[in-house]
Amino acid sequence: MSNATAPSTRQPVLYLSHGAPPLADDTRWCAELAQWSRTLAKPKNILVVSAHWENNPLSLSATRPGVPLLYDFWGFPQKYYEVTYDAPVAPDLADRVTALVADRGQVRHDQGRGLDHGAYVPLVEMFPDADVPVLQMSLPTLEPRELFRLGRQLAELRDEGTLIIGSGFTTHNLRWFVPRAGADTPPPAASAEFDHWAAEAIAAQDIDALLTFQTVAPAAHEAHPRTEHWAPLYVALGAADTTGDLAGENAVEGFWFGLSKRSWQFG
């Protein structure tokens, strides 16, 4: 598959549930991601904020070619450590991000860090030609309002052809992840309750509820014992908010080993 459309002026913002390396074996989910990508105009470049990179000061991935992927997982079959994704690097995008967040102080350019699985696992399915430059940015905090503000600072990148992707998981409690039970096993009640709440909150564009989800969402602490997989949503929401694009469209729905794979497109 090739995204042959010419780069557009304004790109949407995505929040996607990225799964784990075995996502590549899930025919349905791979097809959903591929179909989603076919609806997108080909971006000039991609900025990914993954749940799997927390670092303060805010940090950016390698902008020199040849840095390998970061296989940041353990105990999986060897084939998952042999996946490659040789997308071009994005030094110009790194410079733009650095300029846009200058008020935050130092921005670290980590020239030894390749894309982690929160970035490359979904990108392999959505942009398999690996012909779009990709830059990954760290989560400098998990505080929702700060991440929302960060997204707002980055919003103008959209008008320059950058696709901003927040990559997490709509519910993420690994106690529910039981491979022997099968990917289509009905989700735990807590996962289904949080998923339903999240869908309604996004549909209502209820930013206040989303920013305070730990106190207002049902089963919030069960769905996210730690919040790093929900945090990328706030960067996405901030980048969408400045242009009035908060009406999120459900791009992927359903559950995978009990975890909600719901994903949204804004704008």
Protein backbone atom coordinates (compact mmCIF):
# COMPACT_ATOMS: atom_id res chain seq x y z
CA MET A 1 0.00 0.00 0.00
CA SER A 2 1.21 3.48 -0.76
CA ASN A 3 -0.22 6.78 0.45
CA ALA A 4 0.05 8.46 -2.93
CA THR A 5 -1.86 11.63 -2.15
CA ALA A 6 0.19 14.83 -2.28
CA PRO A 7 1.05 16.42 1.07
CA SER A 8 -1.79 18.57 2.40
CA THR A 9 -1.51 21.90 4.15
CA ARG A 10 -3.28 20.89 7.35
CA GLN A 11 -2.85 17.42 8.77
CA PRO A 12 -5.19 15.86 11.31
CA VAL A 13 -4.08 14.71 14.74
CA LEU A 14 -4.30 11.05 15.77
CA TYR A 15 -4.51 9.25 19.06
CA LEU A 16 -4.08 5.54 18.55
CA SER A 17 -3.84 2.45 20.67
CA HIS A 18 -0.60 0.92 19.51
CA GLY A 19 -0.83 -2.60 20.82
CA ALA A 20 2.29 -4.67 21.35
CA PRO A 21 4.56 -6.37 18.81
CA PRO A 22 1.99 -9.19 18.26
CA LEU A 23 -0.37 -6.61 16.76
CA ALA A 24 1.34 -7.55 13.48
CA ASP A 25 -0.26 -11.01 13.75
CA ASP A 26 -3.78 -9.64 14.25
CA THR A 27 -5.28 -9.61 10.76
CA ARG A 28 -8.28 -7.53 11.75
CA TRP A 29 -6.35 -4.82 13.57
CA CYS A 30 -3.73 -4.58 10.83
CA ALA A 31 -6.52 -4.16 8.27
CA GLU A 32 -8.16 -1.45 10.38
CA LEU A 33 -4.93 0.53 10.63
CA ALA A 34 -4.22 0.11 6.92
CA GLN A 35 -7.72 1.27 6.02
CA TRP A 36 -7.35 4.27 8.33
CA SER A 37 -4.12 5.31 6.68
CA ARG A 38 -5.76 5.18 3.25
CA THR A 39 -8.11 7.96 4.33
CA LEU A 40 -5.21 10.27 5.23
CA ALA A 41 -3.42 12.62 2.90
CA LYS A 42 0.26 11.70 2.84
CA PRO A 43 2.05 13.89 5.41
CA LYS A 44 5.31 15.70 4.90
CA ASN A 45 6.58 14.11 8.12
CA ILE A 46 5.31 12.49 11.30
CA LEU A 47 5.80 13.46 14.95
CA VAL A 48 5.05 10.62 17.37
CA VAL A 49 4.58 10.91 21.12
CA SER A 50 4.72 7.38 22.54
CA ALA A 51 3.75 6.10 25.96
CA HIS A 52 7.10 4.33 26.05
CA TRP A 53 9.35 7.34 26.26
CA GLU A 54 9.16 9.51 29.34
CA ASN A 55 11.99 11.97 29.68
CA ASN A 56 12.39 15.43 31.12
CA PRO A 57 13.82 17.62 29.68
CA LEU A 58 11.71 17.06 26.60
CA SER A 59 13.74 14.91 24.22
CA LEU A 60 13.74 14.14 20.53
CA SER A 61 14.86 10.96 18.81
CA ALA A 62 17.80 10.53 16.45
CA THR A 63 18.02 12.77 13.40
CA ARG A 64 20.95 10.93 11.85
CA PRO A 65 20.28 7.89 9.64
CA GLY A 66 21.13 4.35 10.58
CA VAL A 67 20.02 4.35 14.22
CA PRO A 68 18.22 1.02 14.85
CA LEU A 69 14.77 0.59 16.29
CA LEU A 70 14.45 0.30 20.04
CA TYR A 71 13.05 -3.14 20.89
CA ASP A 72 11.77 -2.06 24.28
CA PHE A 73 10.07 -5.32 25.28
CA TRP A 74 11.10 -8.65 26.71
CA GLY A 75 10.13 -12.29 26.42
CA PHE A 76 8.66 -12.25 22.93
CA PRO A 77 9.54 -14.63 20.05
CA GLN A 78 12.65 -13.73 18.09
CA LYS A 79 10.74 -12.61 14.99
CA TYR A 80 9.57 -9.47 16.79
CA TYR A 81 13.18 -8.41 17.32
CA GLU A 82 13.87 -8.69 13.60
CA VAL A 83 11.28 -6.16 12.47
CA THR A 84 12.75 -3.16 10.67
CA TYR A 85 11.30 0.23 9.78
CA ASP A 86 13.78 2.37 7.91
CA ALA A 87 11.83 5.61 7.67
CA PRO A 88 13.84 8.74 6.84
CA VAL A 89 14.91 10.92 9.75
CA ALA A 90 13.44 14.38 10.24
CA PRO A 91 16.11 16.92 11.29
CA ASP A 92 14.09 19.90 10.01
CA LEU A 93 11.11 18.81 12.10
CA ALA A 94 13.38 18.47 15.13
CA ASP A 95 14.50 22.07 14.64
CA ARG A 96 10.90 23.25 14.37
CA VAL A 97 9.82 21.39 17.52
CA THR A 98 12.80 22.83 19.38
CA ALA A 99 11.84 26.34 18.33
CA LEU A 100 8.17 25.95 19.19
CA VAL A 101 8.85 24.75 22.74
CA ALA A 102 11.74 27.13 23.43
CA ASP A 103 9.99 28.54 26.50
CA ARG A 104 10.41 25.16 28.18
CA GLY A 105 14.15 25.49 28.25
CA GLN A 106 16.52 22.78 27.16
CA VAL A 107 15.40 20.29 24.52
CA ARG A 108 17.55 17.18 24.40
CA HIS A 109 18.46 15.69 21.02
CA ASP A 110 19.15 12.02 21.71
CA GLN A 111 21.11 10.87 18.68
CA GLY A 112 21.32 7.31 19.96
CA ARG A 113 17.60 6.69 20.33
CA GLY A 114 15.64 5.02 17.58
CA LEU A 115 11.88 4.62 17.37
CA ASP A 116 10.34 2.49 20.12
CA HIS A 117 7.54 -0.01 19.59
CA GLY A 118 4.89 2.57 20.46
CA ALA A 119 5.98 4.35 17.28
CA TYR A 120 7.06 1.74 14.78
CA VAL A 121 4.50 -1.01 15.48
CA PRO A 122 1.53 1.07 14.24
CA LEU A 123 3.59 2.87 11.58
CA VAL A 124 4.55 -0.43 9.96
CA GLU A 125 0.86 -1.05 9.39
CA MET A 126 -0.17 2.50 8.47
CA PHE A 127 2.84 3.64 6.41
CA PRO A 128 4.47 0.36 5.34
CA ASP A 129 6.52 2.01 2.58
CA ALA A 130 8.52 3.79 5.32
CA ASP A 131 8.88 6.78 3.03
CA VAL A 132 7.69 9.51 5.42
CA PRO A 133 10.28 11.07 7.78
CA VAL A 134 9.54 10.28 11.43
CA LEU A 135 10.58 11.99 14.66
CA GLN A 136 9.71 10.77 18.13
CA MET A 137 9.24 13.10 21.09
CA SER A 138 9.32 12.16 24.76
CA LEU A 139 6.62 12.76 27.34
CA PRO A 140 8.27 15.33 29.62
CA THR A 141 5.53 14.84 32.24
CA LEU A 142 2.34 12.85 32.79
CA GLU A 143 0.41 15.88 34.04
CA PRO A 144 -2.62 16.28 31.72
CA ARG A 145 -2.77 20.08 31.59
CA GLU A 146 0.94 20.40 30.87
CA LEU A 147 0.69 17.89 28.04
CA PHE A 148 -2.38 19.68 26.68
CA ARG A 149 -0.37 22.92 26.67
CA LEU A 150 2.50 21.14 24.91
CA GLY A 151 0.11 19.98 22.21
CA ARG A 152 -1.12 23.54 21.71
CA GLN A 153 2.47 24.70 21.26
CA LEU A 154 2.98 22.13 18.51
CA ALA A 155 -0.32 22.75 16.72
CA GLU A 156 1.05 24.94 13.94
CA LEU A 157 3.11 22.01 12.70
CA ARG A 158 -0.14 20.67 11.27
CA ASP A 159 -0.28 23.52 8.78
CA GLU A 160 3.25 22.64 7.70
CA GLY A 161 2.28 19.09 6.74
CA THR A 162 3.19 17.28 9.98
CA LEU A 163 0.99 14.44 11.17
CA ILE A 164 1.02 14.47 14.99
CA ILE A 165 0.35 11.06 16.54
CA GLY A 166 -0.22 10.34 20.21
CA SER A 167 0.44 6.63 20.66
CA GLY A 168 -0.86 4.95 23.80
CA PHE A 169 -3.72 2.58 24.70
CA THR A 170 -7.27 3.54 25.65
CA THR A 171 -7.17 1.03 28.47
CA HIS A 172 -3.91 -0.44 29.68
CA ASN A 173 -3.90 -2.88 32.57
CA LEU A 174 -1.54 -5.73 31.79
CA ARG A 175 -3.21 -7.97 34.36
CA TRP A 176 -5.98 -8.27 31.76
CA PHE A 177 -3.57 -9.31 29.03
CA VAL A 178 -3.81 -13.11 28.96
CA PRO A 179 -2.64 -14.40 25.56
CA ARG A 180 -3.91 -17.92 26.11
CA ALA A 181 -7.44 -16.52 26.46
CA GLY A 182 -7.38 -15.21 22.88
CA ALA A 183 -7.51 -11.73 21.41
CA ASP A 184 -11.31 -11.78 21.08
CA THR A 185 -12.04 -12.65 24.70
CA PRO A 186 -14.74 -10.31 26.09
CA PRO A 187 -13.11 -7.44 28.02
CA PRO A 188 -13.28 -7.07 31.79
CA ALA A 189 -16.14 -4.86 32.95
CA ALA A 190 -13.72 -2.12 34.03
CA SER A 191 -12.14 -1.96 30.57
CA ALA A 192 -15.54 -1.76 28.88
CA GLU A 193 -16.78 0.91 31.30
CA PHE A 194 -13.78 3.15 30.79
CA ASP A 195 -13.89 2.67 27.03
CA HIS A 196 -17.55 3.71 26.96
CA TRP A 197 -16.86 6.76 29.11
CA ALA A 198 -13.90 7.79 26.94
CA ALA A 199 -15.96 7.51 23.75
CA GLU A 200 -18.70 9.69 25.25
CA ALA A 201 -16.28 12.27 26.64
CA ILE A 202 -14.53 12.68 23.29
CA ALA A 203 -17.86 12.85 21.45
CA ALA A 204 -19.01 15.58 23.86
CA GLN A 205 -15.66 17.40 23.54
CA ASP A 206 -15.60 17.46 27.33
CA ILE A 207 -12.02 18.59 27.87
CA ASP A 208 -12.53 19.26 31.58
CA ALA A 209 -13.67 15.66 32.15
CA LEU A 210 -10.81 14.28 30.10
CA LEU A 211 -8.24 16.37 31.96
CA THR A 212 -9.60 15.15 35.31
CA PHE A 213 -10.31 11.58 34.24
CA GLN A 214 -8.75 10.03 37.34
CA THR A 215 -11.48 11.52 39.51
CA VAL A 216 -14.49 11.43 37.14
CA ALA A 217 -14.10 8.40 34.87
CA PRO A 218 -15.48 5.01 35.93
CA ALA A 219 -12.78 2.43 36.65
CA ALA A 220 -10.08 4.99 35.86
CA HIS A 221 -7.49 3.50 38.19
CA GLU A 222 -8.19 -0.03 36.96
CA ALA A 223 -8.06 0.99 33.31
CA HIS A 224 -4.83 2.92 33.89
CA PRO A 225 -2.95 1.82 37.02
CA ARG A 226 -0.29 4.15 35.66
CA THR A 227 -1.28 6.87 33.21
CA GLU A 228 1.51 6.86 30.62
CA HIS A 229 -0.63 5.14 27.96
CA TRP A 230 -3.43 7.69 28.31
CA ALA A 231 -1.08 10.69 28.50
CA PRO A 232 -0.36 10.98 24.73
CA LEU A 233 -4.04 11.78 24.22
CA TYR A 234 -3.51 15.16 25.88
CA VAL A 235 -0.82 16.17 23.41
CA ALA A 236 -3.18 15.21 20.61
CA LEU A 237 -6.08 17.13 22.15
CA GLY A 238 -3.94 20.23 22.62
CA ALA A 239 -2.81 20.14 18.99
CA ALA A 240 -6.43 19.78 17.86
CA ASP A 241 -7.87 22.40 20.21
CA THR A 242 -6.22 25.45 18.67
CA THR A 243 -7.99 24.85 15.35
CA GLY A 244 -11.35 23.77 16.75
CA ASP A 245 -10.85 20.16 15.70
CA LEU A 246 -11.92 18.49 18.93
CA ALA A 247 -14.76 16.56 17.32
CA GLY A 248 -12.95 13.23 17.41
CA GLU A 249 -13.87 10.55 14.89
CA ASN A 250 -13.68 6.94 16.03
CA ALA A 251 -11.14 5.38 13.69
CA VAL A 252 -10.71 2.01 15.42
CA GLU A 253 -12.93 0.37 18.03
CA GLY A 254 -13.06 -2.91 19.93
CA PHE A 255 -10.86 -4.81 22.33
CA TRP A 256 -7.65 -6.82 22.11
CA PHE A 257 -6.89 -9.27 24.92
CA GLY A 258 -9.22 -7.23 27.13
CA LEU A 259 -7.63 -3.85 26.35
CA SER A 260 -9.52 -1.14 24.48
CA LYS A 261 -7.93 -0.39 21.12
CA ARG A 262 -10.21 2.63 20.52
CA SER A 263 -8.44 5.29 18.48
CA TRP A 264 -9.47 8.73 17.28
CA GLN A 265 -8.78 11.17 14.50
CA PHE A 266 -9.14 14.90 15.18
CA GLY A 267 -9.53 17.23 12.24
